[in-house]
C-alpha atoms as a PDB file:
ATOM      1  CA  MET A   1      -0.069  -0.061  -0.109  1.00  0.00           C
ATOM      2  CA  SER A   2       1.162   3.352  -0.701  1.00  0.00           C
ATOM      3  CA  MET A   3      -0.135   7.061  -0.235  1.00  0.00           C
ATOM      4  CA  ASP A   4      -0.910   7.123  -4.027  1.00  0.00           C
ATOM      5  CA  LYS A   5      -3.307   4.227  -3.641  1.00  0.00           C
ATOM      6  CA  LEU A   6      -5.325   6.026  -1.034  1.00  0.00           C
ATOM      7  CA  SER A   7      -8.268   8.393  -2.146  1.00  0.00           C
ATOM      8  CA  ASP A   8      -8.099  11.848  -1.103  1.00  0.00           C
ATOM      9  CA  THR A   9     -11.155  11.202   1.303  1.00  0.00           C
ATOM     10  CA  ALA A  10      -9.218   8.437   3.023  1.00  0.00           C
ATOM     11  CA  VAL A  11      -6.301  10.527   3.486  1.00  0.00           C
ATOM     12  CA  ASN A  12      -8.484  13.457   4.858  1.00  0.00           C
ATOM     13  CA  ILE A  13     -10.166  11.186   7.220  1.00  0.00           C
ATOM     14  CA  LEU A  14      -6.819   9.660   8.649  1.00  0.00           C
ATOM     15  CA  THR A  15      -5.269  13.171   8.782  1.00  0.00           C
ATOM     16  CA  ALA A  16      -7.929  14.467  10.497  1.00  0.00           C
ATOM     17  CA  ALA A  17      -7.869  11.565  13.095  1.00  0.00           C
ATOM     18  CA  GLY A  18      -4.298  12.278  13.824  1.00  0.00           C
ATOM     19  CA  VAL A  19      -3.169   9.179  12.131  1.00  0.00           C
ATOM     20  CA  ASP A  20       0.534   8.914  10.973  1.00  0.00           C
ATOM     21  CA  ILE A  21      -0.190   7.484   7.529  1.00  0.00           C
ATOM     22  CA  SER A  22       3.424   6.818   6.861  1.00  0.00           C
ATOM     23  CA  ALA A  23       3.644   4.772   9.900  1.00  0.00           C
ATOM     24  CA  ILE A  24       0.766   2.570   8.728  1.00  0.00           C
ATOM     25  CA  VAL A  25       2.357   2.129   5.329  1.00  0.00           C
ATOM     26  CA  THR A  26       5.612   1.238   6.856  1.00  0.00           C
ATOM     27  CA  GLY A  27       3.964  -1.144   9.454  1.00  0.00           C
ATOM     28  CA  ALA A  28       2.013  -3.006   6.486  1.00  0.00           C
ATOM     29  CA  ALA A  29       5.409  -3.319   4.409  1.00  0.00           C
ATOM     30  CA  GLU A  30       7.115  -4.882   7.453  1.00  0.00           C
ATOM     31  CA  ALA A  31       4.256  -7.051   8.142  1.00  0.00           C
ATOM     32  CA  LEU A  32       4.305  -8.281   4.452  1.00  0.00           C
ATOM     33  CA  ILE A  33       8.075  -8.730   4.547  1.00  0.00           C
ATOM     34  CA  GLY A  34       7.730 -10.867   7.902  1.00  0.00           C
ATOM     35  CA  GLN A  35       5.239 -13.000   6.236  1.00  0.00           C
ATOM     36  CA  LEU A  36       7.685 -13.606   3.430  1.00  0.00           C
ATOM     37  CA  LYS A  37      10.521 -14.694   5.478  1.00  0.00           C
ATOM     38  CA  PRO A  38      10.984 -18.285   6.355  1.00  0.00           C
ATOM     39  CA  PRO A  39       9.586 -18.989   9.789  1.00  0.00           C
ATOM     40  CA  ASP A  40      13.022 -19.660  11.487  1.00  0.00           C
ATOM     41  CA  ALA A  41      14.271 -16.136  10.012  1.00  0.00           C
ATOM     42  CA  ASN A  42      11.947 -14.301  12.485  1.00  0.00           C
ATOM     43  CA  GLU A  43      13.340 -16.133  15.455  1.00  0.00           C
ATOM     44  CA  ASN A  44      16.444 -14.128  15.582  1.00  0.00           C
ATOM     45  CA  SER A  45      14.760 -10.600  14.863  1.00  0.00           C
ATOM     46  CA  VAL A  46      15.230  -7.817  17.233  1.00  0.00           C
ATOM     47  CA  LYS A  47      12.059  -6.849  19.281  1.00  0.00           C
END
């Protein structure tokens, strides 16, 4: 997901709610990458 794929209305609602849209995009990307890694690769990740 990227900012370009969000509608203007969605951006306005999230901005008005004080949501950090960049953090949402980054979190979604990190979650996707985590799902793509082999299960044992996540055992040594820093928390």
